[in-house]
Amino acid sequence: MAFGHCVHHRYPFSINMNNNQNKNCIIYCRISSAKGAQEGEGLDTQEKICRTCAESRGYTVVPHGKVFRETFSGRKDTRPVLEEIFDYIEKNPGKVQYFVFRMIDRFTRGGGFSYEGIKKKLASYGVEMIDTTGIIQPSKNTLDYLGFEYDWSKTSPSGITELVMADNAKSEVTTILTRMIAQEIELTQKGFKVRGAVDGYLNSRIYVDSKKRMIQIPDPERAKYFIEMFRLRATGTLTDKEIVDRINAMGYRSRIQNKWDRAHEKIIGHGGGQQLTVKRLQATIQRPIYCGIMCEKWTRWQPIKAYYDGLVSIDMFNQANRGSVFIKKEGSDMTILYDYYPERLVVKRMRDNPMFPYKNFVLCPTCSKPFLGSCPVGKGGEGFPTYHCSRKHKYFGVPKKKLEDSFKSLINGLLFKPEALNSMEASFLNKFHERKGEIIQSSIDVHRNIADLKIEQKAKSDAFVATTSQVLRTSLEKQIEELEERIKSANGESQKIDITENDITSFKSYGKYFMEHLPELLLNTYNPRQQQSLLSLVFEDFPTYTELVNGTPKLAWVFKLSSTSTSLESLRVTLRGVEPRFQP
């Protein structure tokens, strides 16, 4: 009679060594994070306990005495190192008999279902799980006394206990994470930092109400790059590619980050150190955190003011983004708007019709909305170009020539106030010297970067001369050429940054030209968008037709009208006679 195979009983740390010769095991150790290793039982401690357990049982650790160590969440069924173990067992059938680990809550945090699935997978390879605490007991065959064995007759005396402990481990994770994540969400909604610092910042701890809180402060080494990105894009004088070249010339490289092995124990390399690209620039300037505004999942994607200042102001952030992202602040309330272009002219039904160039700048006196323009045809077939409006009110129209003559007369009569000119000149000088200081600092950064690149180039040149390896010489030669290109690029940016007296004179000359040719620039109908931008600087509000003919538009404080700028119609209204306007 053929009997089923017998199962030897095994007990933790007490074993007949002769019954377990040539038995191989795999040792698996796991922690969730490096921080967890510092605060609790680390990988080294687990490995020591597991090796002691294996030695006491007479197991041989394979492969070649290696211990599989992993820094990964126990809530995941698929883990890099665990998958490596399964792959090894599958490729070496029959070589591994035991899977040794510290305890159930160290092995998995996924609950009983996850634990049982992994246990069955190991069992399918003929591998038995062993924990160093002795909770897991060997399987028993209920038909052993008859000499038969079936899948259903095999049972684990500790099965229920194992599942309960696995479920408790999962419940413990839920409790821990609920407590931790809830606190982090609350701190985030109060404007504090709870994760790693954003590039350009450093994390710093402060005391708030006698409690430690995390904020971000400017990184003394890297904040300058991000401030310059926003400033250059806000001025609008350089293209994105030119801004990228300028920042790279200052020495920008992306932040260096560590690359870890699969177990996340050892640093095996580094990433980062790359130059800025246009794509990265455009993504960076859209992040509200750089102006001190937090907007993320834990704020329900609503903007809140961080507990710390940003690297730039909200105004500069808005100017740099040019409407792609706009932070609208009304008192303590803030809103983030996307694709926000309130000043943009909507081209609809020939809105920029060159036949009626001033219809957007003169308003209807009845509804204060921009005029429309059309050319009604009379009985004789002749067209009569007219500015008009009839939006829910009686039709109001003005012949094209009449309105345009009045508008041109008003613009030609614009003058700068003398006191405004003095104020503008003083403001210009203050702003210029402020900007000059910023440019000088940028120039210093660029020259420092050039010096560092030359030092690095010299070191590689010396190494090239010293080595006899052709492979190394080829690599060094390539690196030296790359450094030379970076030096040339930085030198080119340095020449663009430097300010000379000729630059100051040219700028003043341009300002003088603008003042002397103001009417000509304001009446330029070939570029309606530029015209609107300039006219919006002249008027506090675009004038109605009545204000236009009366010579009473609301002008910006730096302008006034000459005494000869009023139209004939305005003069007739004003000079009605010599009689007094009111009775005493």
Protein backbone atom coordinates (compact mmCIF):
# COMPACT_ATOMS: atom_id res chain seq x y z
CA MET A 1 0.00 0.00 0.00
CA ALA A 2 1.40 3.35 -1.04
CA PHE A 3 1.31 5.95 1.67
CA GLY A 4 1.40 9.72 1.31
CA HIS A 5 4.51 11.56 2.35
CA CYS A 6 5.07 12.22 6.02
CA VAL A 7 5.39 15.69 7.43
CA HIS A 8 8.05 16.35 10.07
CA HIS A 9 7.05 18.68 12.90
CA ARG A 10 9.19 21.79 13.26
CA TYR A 11 9.25 24.19 16.20
CA PRO A 12 10.97 27.59 16.35
CA PHE A 13 14.44 27.60 17.90
CA SER A 14 14.17 23.98 19.07
CA ILE A 15 14.90 21.47 16.37
CA ASN A 16 16.66 18.20 15.81
CA MET A 17 19.51 19.41 13.66
CA ASN A 18 19.99 16.03 12.00
CA ASN A 19 16.45 16.16 10.54
CA ASN A 20 17.02 19.47 8.77
CA GLN A 21 20.31 19.01 7.00
CA ASN A 22 20.53 20.37 3.46
CA LYS A 23 17.43 22.52 4.00
CA ASN A 24 17.70 25.90 2.28
CA CYS A 25 15.95 29.09 3.24
CA ILE A 26 15.53 32.64 2.04
CA ILE A 27 15.63 35.46 4.57
CA TYR A 28 13.47 38.51 3.93
CA CYS A 29 13.63 41.77 5.94
CA ARG A 30 11.43 44.82 5.36
CA ILE A 31 10.88 48.34 6.67
CA SER A 32 8.54 50.97 5.26
CA SER A 33 11.00 53.88 5.21
CA ALA A 34 14.45 54.98 6.28
CA LYS A 35 12.80 57.07 8.99
CA GLY A 36 11.08 53.94 10.30
CA ALA A 37 14.46 52.26 10.61
CA GLN A 38 15.69 55.06 12.84
CA GLU A 39 12.59 55.06 15.06
CA GLY A 40 11.94 51.30 15.23
CA GLU A 41 13.46 47.93 14.43
CA GLY A 42 15.78 48.38 11.47
CA LEU A 43 16.92 46.03 8.73
CA ASP A 44 20.18 45.16 10.50
CA THR A 45 18.32 44.07 13.64
CA GLN A 46 15.84 42.03 11.62
CA GLU A 47 18.63 40.35 9.67
CA LYS A 48 20.48 39.40 12.84
CA ILE A 49 17.37 37.82 14.41
CA CYS A 50 16.46 35.96 11.21
CA ARG A 51 19.98 34.58 10.76
CA THR A 52 19.97 33.36 14.35
CA CYS A 53 16.65 31.63 13.73
CA ALA A 54 17.94 29.98 10.53
CA GLU A 55 21.15 28.81 12.22
CA SER A 56 19.25 27.32 15.17
CA ARG A 57 17.14 25.32 12.73
CA GLY A 58 20.06 24.24 10.63
CA TYR A 59 18.96 26.08 7.50
CA THR A 60 21.36 27.21 4.79
CA VAL A 61 20.72 30.76 3.60
CA VAL A 62 20.53 31.03 -0.19
CA PRO A 63 21.62 32.37 -2.54
CA HIS A 64 25.19 32.33 -1.19
CA GLY A 65 24.17 33.60 2.25
CA LYS A 66 22.45 36.68 0.83
CA VAL A 67 19.64 38.33 2.81
CA PHE A 68 16.90 40.07 0.84
CA ARG A 69 16.32 43.50 2.37
CA GLU A 70 13.67 45.96 1.28
CA THR A 71 12.52 49.48 2.15
CA PHE A 72 8.98 49.45 0.83
CA SER A 73 5.39 49.69 2.00
CA GLY A 74 4.01 46.44 3.43
CA ARG A 75 0.54 47.39 2.16
CA LYS A 76 1.58 46.50 -1.39
CA ASP A 77 1.39 42.91 -2.62
CA THR A 78 3.80 43.71 -5.45
CA ARG A 79 7.19 44.82 -4.13
CA PRO A 80 10.49 44.97 -6.06
CA VAL A 81 12.52 42.72 -3.73
CA LEU A 82 9.65 40.33 -3.03
CA GLU A 83 9.18 39.89 -6.77
CA GLU A 84 12.92 39.21 -7.05
CA ILE A 85 12.52 36.42 -4.47
CA PHE A 86 9.62 34.85 -6.35
CA ASP A 87 11.64 35.03 -9.56
CA TYR A 88 14.61 33.30 -7.90
CA ILE A 89 12.44 30.51 -6.45
CA GLU A 90 10.73 29.95 -9.79
CA LYS A 91 14.03 29.74 -11.67
CA ASN A 92 15.47 27.34 -9.06
CA PRO A 93 12.68 24.80 -8.41
CA GLY A 94 13.16 22.68 -5.32
CA LYS A 95 16.17 24.62 -4.10
CA VAL A 96 14.33 26.66 -1.42
CA GLN A 97 12.27 25.02 1.30
CA TYR A 98 11.73 27.82 3.81
CA PHE A 99 10.96 31.55 3.74
CA VAL A 100 12.20 33.16 6.98
CA PHE A 101 11.07 36.62 8.13
CA ARG A 102 10.84 38.57 11.38
CA MET A 103 7.11 38.65 12.13
CA ILE A 104 3.79 38.87 10.32
CA ASP A 105 3.30 42.64 10.66
CA ARG A 106 6.81 43.13 9.25
CA PHE A 107 6.04 40.84 6.34
CA THR A 108 2.74 42.40 5.28
CA ARG A 109 0.36 45.21 6.19
CA GLY A 110 -2.19 44.28 3.56
CA GLY A 111 -4.49 42.26 5.82
CA GLY A 112 -5.48 38.61 5.95
CA PHE A 113 -6.48 38.33 2.30
CA SER A 114 -3.12 39.67 1.10
CA TYR A 115 -1.19 37.50 3.57
CA GLU A 116 -3.02 34.34 2.59
CA GLY A 117 -2.45 35.03 -1.12
CA ILE A 118 1.31 35.37 -0.69
CA LYS A 119 1.43 32.31 1.57
CA LYS A 120 -0.40 30.20 -1.04
CA LYS A 121 1.93 31.43 -3.76
CA LEU A 122 4.97 30.33 -1.74
CA ALA A 123 3.28 27.03 -0.95
CA SER A 124 2.76 26.43 -4.68
CA TYR A 125 6.55 26.49 -5.00
CA GLY A 126 6.90 24.09 -2.07
CA VAL A 127 8.18 26.82 0.26
CA GLU A 128 7.05 27.03 3.88
CA MET A 129 6.84 30.34 5.77
CA ILE A 130 8.73 30.67 9.06
CA ASP A 131 8.45 33.67 11.41
CA THR A 132 11.01 34.17 14.16
CA THR A 133 8.31 34.67 16.80
CA GLY A 134 7.05 31.11 16.34
CA ILE A 135 3.44 32.05 15.56
CA ILE A 136 3.31 30.09 12.29
CA GLN A 137 3.03 26.34 12.91
CA PRO A 138 3.73 23.55 10.36
CA SER A 139 0.78 22.26 8.38
CA LYS A 140 -0.81 18.97 9.50
CA ASN A 141 -2.49 16.23 7.50
CA THR A 142 -5.79 15.14 9.08
CA LEU A 143 -5.53 11.78 7.23
CA ASP A 144 -1.94 11.20 8.28
CA TYR A 145 -2.89 8.22 10.49
CA LEU A 146 -4.36 6.51 7.41
CA GLY A 147 -1.40 7.31 5.20
CA PHE A 148 -3.31 9.48 2.70
CA GLU A 149 -3.08 13.18 1.91
CA TYR A 150 -5.30 15.55 -0.08
CA ASP A 151 -5.33 19.31 -0.58
CA TRP A 152 -8.35 19.61 1.71
CA SER A 153 -6.81 17.36 4.38
CA LYS A 154 -3.87 19.72 4.92
CA THR A 155 -4.54 22.32 7.57
CA SER A 156 -2.53 24.88 9.54
CA PRO A 157 -3.08 24.85 13.30
CA SER A 158 -2.08 28.53 13.48
CA GLY A 159 -4.01 29.61 10.38
CA ILE A 160 -6.69 31.60 12.19
CA THR A 161 -4.09 33.26 14.44
CA GLU A 162 -2.01 34.24 11.40
CA LEU A 163 -4.98 35.82 9.64
CA VAL A 164 -6.00 37.70 12.79
CA MET A 165 -2.47 39.08 13.19
CA ALA A 166 -2.36 40.09 9.51
CA ASP A 167 -5.70 41.90 9.86
CA ASN A 168 -4.48 43.58 13.05
CA ALA A 169 -1.37 44.76 11.18
CA LYS A 170 -3.57 46.30 8.49
CA SER A 171 -5.84 47.91 11.12
CA GLU A 172 -2.77 49.31 12.87
CA VAL A 173 -1.66 50.95 9.60
CA THR A 174 -5.08 52.51 9.18
CA THR A 175 -4.92 53.94 12.69
CA ILE A 176 -1.38 55.29 12.27
CA LEU A 177 -1.96 56.80 8.83
CA THR A 178 -5.31 58.33 9.82
CA ARG A 179 -3.68 60.08 12.75
CA MET A 180 -0.66 61.25 10.72
CA ILE A 181 -2.38 62.23 7.46
CA ALA A 182 -5.21 64.04 9.25
CA GLN A 183 -2.65 66.18 11.09
CA GLU A 184 -0.74 66.88 7.87
CA ILE A 185 -3.94 67.93 6.06
CA GLU A 186 -4.84 70.33 8.87
CA LEU A 187 -1.34 71.84 8.87
CA THR A 188 -1.40 72.22 5.08
CA GLN A 189 -4.75 74.05 5.25
CA LYS A 190 -3.19 76.42 7.80
CA GLY A 191 -0.38 77.24 5.37
CA PHE A 192 2.44 75.12 6.80
CA LYS A 193 4.78 72.79 4.90
CA VAL A 194 4.57 69.04 5.54
CA ARG A 195 6.65 67.53 2.73
CA GLY A 196 10.04 68.06 1.16
CA ALA A 197 11.00 71.59 0.14
CA VAL A 198 10.22 72.87 -3.33
CA ASP A 199 13.29 73.70 -5.41
CA GLY A 200 14.34 77.24 -4.53
CA TYR A 201 13.27 76.82 -0.89
CA LEU A 202 14.60 75.11 2.21
CA ASN A 203 12.45 73.66 4.99
CA SER A 204 12.82 75.38 8.34
CA ARG A 205 11.19 74.71 11.70
CA ILE A 206 9.66 77.51 13.74
CA TYR A 207 7.62 77.66 16.91
CA VAL A 208 3.95 78.68 16.60
CA ASP A 209 1.94 78.69 19.83
CA SER A 210 4.75 76.72 21.49
CA LYS A 211 4.53 74.00 18.82
CA LYS A 212 7.04 73.16 16.13
CA ARG A 213 5.83 73.89 12.63
CA MET A 214 7.50 73.61 9.24
CA ILE A 215 7.74 76.50 6.78
CA GLN A 216 9.82 77.20 3.68
CA ILE A 217 12.53 79.84 3.49
CA PRO A 218 14.49 80.99 0.41
CA ASP A 219 17.40 78.73 -0.47
CA PRO A 220 20.46 81.04 -0.32
CA GLU A 221 22.08 79.11 -3.18
CA ARG A 222 19.13 78.51 -5.54
CA ALA A 223 16.41 81.09 -4.86
CA LYS A 224 18.12 83.65 -7.12
CA TYR A 225 17.50 81.53 -10.21
CA PHE A 226 13.73 81.38 -9.66
CA ILE A 227 13.44 85.05 -8.76
CA GLU A 228 15.27 85.93 -11.98
CA MET A 229 13.00 83.62 -14.02
CA PHE A 230 9.92 85.49 -12.83
CA ARG A 231 11.49 88.93 -13.12
CA LEU A 232 12.75 88.43 -16.68
CA ARG A 233 9.47 86.99 -17.88
CA ALA A 234 7.47 89.74 -16.15
CA THR A 235 9.40 92.45 -18.00
CA GLY A 236 8.49 90.86 -21.33
CA THR A 237 11.66 92.04 -23.05
CA LEU A 238 13.16 88.56 -23.62
CA THR A 239 11.80 85.43 -25.25
CA ASP A 240 11.54 82.26 -23.18
CA LYS A 241 14.61 80.87 -24.97
CA GLU A 242 16.61 84.00 -24.13
CA ILE A 243 15.48 83.76 -20.48
CA VAL A 244 16.61 80.12 -20.37
CA ASP A 245 20.03 81.08 -21.76
CA ARG A 246 20.35 83.84 -19.17
CA ILE A 247 19.46 81.58 -16.21
CA ASN A 248 21.79 78.82 -17.40
CA ALA A 249 24.58 81.37 -17.78
CA MET A 250 24.07 82.27 -14.13
CA GLY A 251 24.96 78.66 -13.27
CA TYR A 252 21.53 77.03 -12.96
CA ARG A 253 21.41 73.24 -12.86
CA SER A 254 18.48 71.17 -11.66
CA ARG A 255 18.69 69.97 -8.08
CA ILE A 256 20.82 66.85 -7.51
CA GLN A 257 18.79 63.85 -6.35
CA ASN A 258 19.97 60.48 -5.07
CA LYS A 259 19.33 57.23 -6.92
CA TRP A 260 18.80 54.23 -4.64
CA ASP A 261 19.11 50.49 -5.16
CA ARG A 262 15.99 48.29 -5.34
CA ALA A 263 16.01 47.79 -1.57
CA HIS A 264 16.32 51.57 -1.13
CA GLU A 265 19.30 51.07 1.19
CA LYS A 266 22.28 52.33 -0.76
CA ILE A 267 22.85 55.33 -2.99
CA ILE A 268 23.97 53.98 -6.36
CA GLY A 269 24.08 57.24 -8.31
CA HIS A 270 22.71 60.71 -8.72
CA GLY A 271 20.20 62.38 -11.00
CA GLY A 272 19.57 65.99 -11.91
CA GLY A 273 22.23 68.55 -12.65
CA GLN A 274 20.54 69.42 -15.95
CA GLN A 275 20.28 72.85 -17.54
CA LEU A 276 17.01 74.73 -17.65
CA THR A 277 14.79 74.17 -20.68
CA VAL A 278 11.94 76.26 -22.08
CA LYS A 279 9.44 73.58 -21.10
CA ARG A 280 10.74 73.49 -17.52
CA LEU A 281 10.72 77.31 -17.33
CA GLN A 282 7.09 77.49 -18.42
CA ALA A 283 6.08 74.79 -15.93
CA THR A 284 7.97 76.47 -13.08
CA ILE A 285 6.50 79.95 -13.40
CA GLN A 286 2.97 78.51 -13.25
CA ARG A 287 3.47 77.18 -9.70
CA PRO A 288 1.72 79.51 -7.22
CA ILE A 289 3.95 78.35 -4.35
CA TYR A 290 6.67 80.68 -5.65
CA CYS A 291 4.51 83.68 -4.71
CA GLY A 292 3.56 82.16 -1.36
CA ILE A 293 0.21 80.65 -2.42
CA MET A 294 -0.56 76.98 -1.72
CA CYS A 295 -2.94 75.15 -4.04
CA GLU A 296 -3.03 71.36 -3.93
CA LYS A 297 -5.19 68.34 -3.22
CA TRP A 298 -5.16 68.90 0.55
CA THR A 299 -6.39 72.49 0.09
CA ARG A 300 -9.14 71.07 -2.17
CA TRP A 301 -7.37 72.86 -5.04
CA GLN A 302 -8.33 76.21 -3.51
CA PRO A 303 -5.59 78.84 -3.06
CA ILE A 304 -4.59 79.69 0.49
CA LYS A 305 -1.87 82.02 1.74
CA ALA A 306 1.15 80.13 3.03
CA TYR A 307 2.42 80.92 6.50
CA TYR A 308 5.58 82.23 4.84
CA ASP A 309 6.39 84.70 2.06
CA GLY A 310 7.00 83.60 -1.50
CA LEU A 311 10.11 84.27 -3.55
CA VAL A 312 8.18 86.83 -5.65
CA SER A 313 5.07 88.95 -5.20
CA ILE A 314 1.64 88.01 -6.50
CA ASP A 315 1.80 90.93 -8.95
CA MET A 316 5.08 89.70 -10.40
CA PHE A 317 3.69 86.16 -10.59
CA ASN A 318 0.70 87.43 -12.58
CA GLN A 319 2.88 89.53 -14.86
CA ALA A 320 5.22 86.61 -15.54
CA ASN A 321 2.37 84.26 -16.42
CA ARG A 322 0.69 86.81 -18.71
CA GLY A 323 -2.79 85.44 -18.05
CA SER A 324 -2.07 81.72 -18.37
CA VAL A 325 -2.38 81.57 -14.56
CA PHE A 326 -3.77 84.59 -12.70
CA ILE A 327 -4.18 84.97 -8.94
CA LYS A 328 -7.06 87.32 -8.23
CA LYS A 329 -7.01 88.75 -4.73
CA GLU A 330 -10.00 90.52 -3.21
CA GLY A 331 -9.32 91.28 0.43
CA SER A 332 -8.54 87.97 2.13
CA ASP A 333 -10.22 85.96 -0.63
CA MET A 334 -8.19 84.57 -3.50
CA THR A 335 -9.07 82.85 -6.74
CA ILE A 336 -6.83 81.22 -9.32
CA LEU A 337 -7.97 81.87 -12.87
CA TYR A 338 -6.63 80.17 -15.96
CA ASP A 339 -6.42 81.68 -19.44
CA TYR A 340 -7.43 85.03 -17.96
CA TYR A 341 -7.08 87.80 -20.55
CA PRO A 342 -9.50 90.61 -19.68
CA GLU A 343 -7.58 93.13 -21.80
CA ARG A 344 -7.57 90.96 -24.90
CA LEU A 345 -9.65 92.23 -27.80
CA VAL A 346 -12.05 89.57 -28.99
CA VAL A 347 -12.01 89.58 -32.75
CA LYS A 348 -15.62 89.00 -33.72
CA ARG A 349 -17.45 90.29 -36.75
CA MET A 350 -14.54 92.50 -37.79
CA ARG A 351 -14.06 93.99 -34.36
CA ASP A 352 -10.76 95.43 -35.59
CA ASN A 353 -12.37 96.79 -38.76
CA PRO A 354 -9.88 99.38 -40.06
CA MET A 355 -12.78 101.43 -41.40
CA PHE A 356 -13.84 102.25 -37.82
CA PRO A 357 -10.54 102.40 -35.87
CA TYR A 358 -11.89 104.30 -32.83
CA LYS A 359 -15.13 102.43 -32.11
CA ASN A 360 -13.54 100.58 -29.17
CA PHE A 361 -12.19 103.78 -27.59
CA VAL A 362 -15.26 106.03 -27.69
CA LEU A 363 -18.35 104.94 -25.78
CA CYS A 364 -22.06 105.41 -26.31
CA PRO A 365 -23.31 108.28 -24.10
CA THR A 366 -26.50 106.34 -23.31
CA CYS A 367 -25.22 102.88 -22.27
CA SER A 368 -21.45 103.56 -21.95
CA LYS A 369 -20.60 100.63 -24.20
CA PRO A 370 -18.26 100.77 -27.22
CA PHE A 371 -19.75 102.00 -30.45
CA LEU A 372 -20.50 99.71 -33.35
CA GLY A 373 -19.58 100.66 -36.89
CA SER A 374 -21.54 100.18 -40.07
CA CYS A 375 -22.07 101.80 -43.44
CA PRO A 376 -25.82 102.14 -44.21
CA VAL A 377 -26.65 102.79 -47.85
CA GLY A 378 -28.98 105.62 -48.86
CA LYS A 379 -31.57 105.67 -51.65
CA GLY A 380 -28.98 106.85 -54.12
CA GLY A 381 -26.76 103.85 -53.33
CA GLU A 382 -24.20 105.95 -51.49
CA GLY A 383 -22.82 104.59 -48.18
CA PHE A 384 -22.75 106.67 -44.99
CA PRO A 385 -20.08 105.33 -42.56
CA THR A 386 -21.46 105.75 -39.05
CA TYR A 387 -20.48 104.99 -35.47
CA HIS A 388 -23.69 103.95 -33.72
CA CYS A 389 -25.31 102.13 -30.82
CA SER A 390 -28.84 100.91 -30.03
CA ARG A 391 -28.36 98.39 -27.24
CA LYS A 392 -31.79 98.34 -25.56
CA HIS A 393 -32.16 102.09 -26.07
CA LYS A 394 -32.97 104.58 -28.78
CA TYR A 395 -30.63 104.54 -31.77
CA PHE A 396 -27.68 106.91 -31.43
CA GLY A 397 -25.35 107.50 -34.37
CA VAL A 398 -22.47 109.81 -35.23
CA PRO A 399 -21.00 110.24 -38.72
CA LYS A 400 -17.58 108.65 -39.03
CA LYS A 401 -15.71 111.85 -39.95
CA LYS A 402 -17.33 113.87 -37.17
CA LEU A 403 -16.38 111.42 -34.39
CA GLU A 404 -12.87 110.82 -35.69
CA ASP A 405 -12.12 114.53 -36.07
CA SER A 406 -13.21 115.10 -32.46
CA PHE A 407 -11.09 112.20 -31.22
CA LYS A 408 -7.99 113.33 -33.11
CA SER A 409 -8.47 116.88 -31.84
CA LEU A 410 -8.55 115.58 -28.28
CA ILE A 411 -5.43 113.43 -28.70
CA ASN A 412 -3.49 116.24 -30.40
CA GLY A 413 -4.28 118.47 -27.45
CA LEU A 414 -2.79 116.12 -24.82
CA LEU A 415 0.03 117.55 -22.72
CA PHE A 416 2.13 116.20 -19.88
CA LYS A 417 1.75 118.12 -16.62
CA PRO A 418 5.07 119.76 -15.64
CA GLU A 419 4.86 118.46 -12.08
CA ALA A 420 4.20 114.98 -13.44
CA LEU A 421 7.30 115.11 -15.59
CA ASN A 422 9.48 115.90 -12.58
CA SER A 423 7.90 113.08 -10.61
CA MET A 424 8.31 110.66 -13.51
CA GLU A 425 11.98 111.56 -13.91
CA ALA A 426 12.68 110.99 -10.21
CA SER A 427 10.76 107.75 -10.25
CA PHE A 428 12.61 106.66 -13.37
CA LEU A 429 16.01 107.28 -11.78
CA ASN A 430 15.09 105.43 -8.60
CA LYS A 431 13.73 102.49 -10.53
CA PHE A 432 16.70 102.47 -12.85
CA HIS A 433 19.24 102.32 -10.02
CA GLU A 434 17.20 99.60 -8.32
CA ARG A 435 17.18 97.58 -11.52
CA LYS A 436 20.87 98.32 -12.10
CA GLY A 437 21.67 96.69 -8.76
CA GLU A 438 19.73 93.58 -9.78
CA ILE A 439 21.52 93.40 -13.12
CA ILE A 440 24.92 93.82 -11.48
CA GLN A 441 24.13 90.89 -9.17
CA SER A 442 23.08 88.78 -12.17
CA SER A 443 26.31 89.74 -13.91
CA ILE A 444 28.31 88.70 -10.84
CA ASP A 445 26.54 85.33 -10.81
CA VAL A 446 27.30 84.79 -14.49
CA HIS A 447 30.99 85.69 -14.09
CA ARG A 448 31.24 83.41 -11.04
CA ASN A 449 29.72 80.59 -13.06
CA ILE A 450 32.21 81.21 -15.88
CA ALA A 451 35.09 81.04 -13.39
CA ASP A 452 33.77 77.76 -11.95
CA LEU A 453 33.42 76.29 -15.44
CA LYS A 454 37.00 77.28 -16.29
CA ILE A 455 38.29 75.67 -13.09
CA GLU A 456 36.40 72.48 -13.93
CA GLN A 457 37.72 72.60 -17.50
CA LYS A 458 41.31 72.98 -16.27
CA ALA A 459 40.92 70.01 -13.91
CA LYS A 460 39.68 67.82 -16.76
CA SER A 461 42.47 69.05 -19.04
CA ASP A 462 45.05 68.09 -16.39
CA ALA A 463 43.40 64.67 -16.07
CA PHE A 464 43.49 64.28 -19.86
CA VAL A 465 47.25 64.90 -19.90
CA ALA A 466 47.88 62.57 -16.95
CA THR A 467 45.94 59.53 -18.19
CA THR A 468 47.10 57.03 -20.80
CA SER A 469 43.74 55.27 -21.18
CA GLN A 470 42.31 55.99 -24.62
CA VAL A 471 38.74 55.42 -23.42
CA LEU A 472 39.19 57.90 -20.56
CA ARG A 473 40.92 60.42 -22.81
CA THR A 474 38.01 60.27 -25.29
CA SER A 475 35.50 60.83 -22.49
CA LEU A 476 37.49 63.72 -21.01
CA GLU A 477 37.91 65.33 -24.41
CA LYS A 478 34.15 65.29 -24.92
CA GLN A 479 33.57 66.80 -21.47
CA ILE A 480 36.13 69.54 -22.13
CA GLU A 481 34.40 70.46 -25.39
CA GLU A 482 31.02 70.62 -23.63
CA LEU A 483 32.48 72.90 -20.96
CA GLU A 484 33.93 75.14 -23.66
CA GLU A 485 30.49 75.52 -25.23
CA ARG A 486 28.97 76.39 -21.86
CA ILE A 487 31.69 78.98 -21.25
CA LYS A 488 31.07 80.58 -24.64
CA SER A 489 27.33 80.70 -24.00
CA ALA A 490 27.83 82.24 -20.55
CA ASN A 491 30.23 84.84 -21.97
CA GLY A 492 27.62 85.82 -24.55
CA GLU A 493 24.99 86.30 -21.83
CA SER A 494 27.46 88.31 -19.76
CA GLN A 495 27.87 90.83 -22.58
CA LYS A 496 24.08 91.14 -22.89
CA ILE A 497 23.63 91.80 -19.18
CA ASP A 498 26.29 94.47 -18.66
CA ILE A 499 24.90 98.04 -18.57
CA THR A 500 26.76 100.94 -20.12
CA GLU A 501 26.18 104.67 -20.15
CA ASN A 502 25.04 104.31 -23.76
CA ASP A 503 22.22 102.06 -22.55
CA ILE A 504 21.06 104.75 -20.14
CA THR A 505 21.24 107.43 -22.83
CA SER A 506 19.33 105.25 -25.30
CA PHE A 507 16.62 104.56 -22.76
CA LYS A 508 16.22 108.23 -21.96
CA SER A 509 16.12 109.04 -25.68
CA TYR A 510 13.35 106.50 -26.18
CA GLY A 511 11.37 108.05 -23.33
CA LYS A 512 11.84 111.49 -24.86
CA TYR A 513 10.72 110.20 -28.25
CA PHE A 514 7.59 108.72 -26.68
CA MET A 515 6.69 112.04 -25.06
CA GLU A 516 7.35 114.10 -28.18
CA HIS A 517 5.45 111.76 -30.54
CA LEU A 518 2.62 110.76 -28.21
CA PRO A 519 -0.28 111.77 -30.53
CA GLU A 520 1.33 110.00 -33.45
CA LEU A 521 1.68 106.76 -31.44
CA LEU A 522 -1.83 106.99 -29.96
CA LEU A 523 -3.44 107.51 -33.37
CA ASN A 524 -1.58 104.62 -34.99
CA THR A 525 -4.42 102.43 -36.30
CA TYR A 526 -2.17 99.79 -37.86
CA ASN A 527 -1.73 97.95 -34.55
CA PRO A 528 -5.06 98.09 -32.66
CA ARG A 529 -3.80 96.04 -29.69
CA GLN A 530 -0.81 98.31 -29.16
CA GLN A 531 -3.07 101.31 -29.63
CA GLN A 532 -5.47 100.05 -26.98
CA SER A 533 -2.60 99.43 -24.52
CA LEU A 534 -1.30 102.98 -24.99
CA LEU A 535 -4.73 104.62 -24.81
CA SER A 536 -5.54 102.71 -21.62
CA LEU A 537 -2.55 104.52 -20.07
CA VAL A 538 -3.93 107.88 -21.13
CA PHE A 539 -7.54 107.50 -20.00
CA GLU A 540 -8.75 106.35 -16.62
CA ASP A 541 -11.90 105.31 -18.49
CA PHE A 542 -12.47 105.55 -22.21
CA PRO A 543 -14.59 108.68 -22.89
CA THR A 544 -18.21 108.73 -24.00
CA TYR A 545 -19.02 110.73 -27.10
CA THR A 546 -20.49 113.50 -24.93
CA GLU A 547 -17.28 113.74 -22.87
CA LEU A 548 -15.29 113.72 -26.09
CA VAL A 549 -17.06 116.72 -27.66
CA ASN A 550 -17.21 118.58 -24.33
CA GLY A 551 -13.49 118.08 -23.70
CA THR A 552 -14.12 116.44 -20.31
CA PRO A 553 -12.61 112.94 -20.54
CA LYS A 554 -11.20 111.27 -17.42
CA LEU A 555 -7.45 111.44 -18.04
CA ALA A 556 -4.63 109.77 -16.15
CA TRP A 557 -3.07 112.12 -13.60
CA VAL A 558 0.04 112.83 -15.69
CA PHE A 559 -1.95 114.36 -18.60
CA LYS A 560 -3.94 117.52 -19.23
CA LEU A 561 -5.64 119.10 -22.26
CA SER A 562 -4.38 122.22 -23.98
CA SER A 563 -6.82 125.10 -24.28
CA THR A 564 -7.08 124.61 -28.06
CA SER A 565 -7.99 120.92 -27.99
CA THR A 566 -11.79 121.26 -27.76
CA SER A 567 -13.85 120.73 -30.87
CA LEU A 568 -16.01 123.41 -32.55
CA GLU A 569 -19.16 121.78 -31.20
CA SER A 570 -17.71 122.01 -27.69
CA LEU A 571 -16.93 125.71 -28.22
CA ARG A 572 -20.48 126.41 -29.33
CA VAL A 573 -21.81 124.77 -26.19
CA THR A 574 -19.43 126.72 -23.99
CA LEU A 575 -19.66 130.18 -25.64
CA ARG A 576 -23.45 130.62 -25.69
CA GLY A 577 -23.26 134.28 -24.78
CA VAL A 578 -22.04 136.75 -22.27
CA GLU A 579 -25.02 136.45 -19.96
CA PRO A 580 -24.36 134.83 -16.57
CA ARG A 581 -25.08 131.08 -16.24
CA PHE A 582 -27.10 131.43 -13.06
CA GLN A 583 -29.05 134.08 -11.16
CA PRO A 584 -27.52 135.35 -7.96
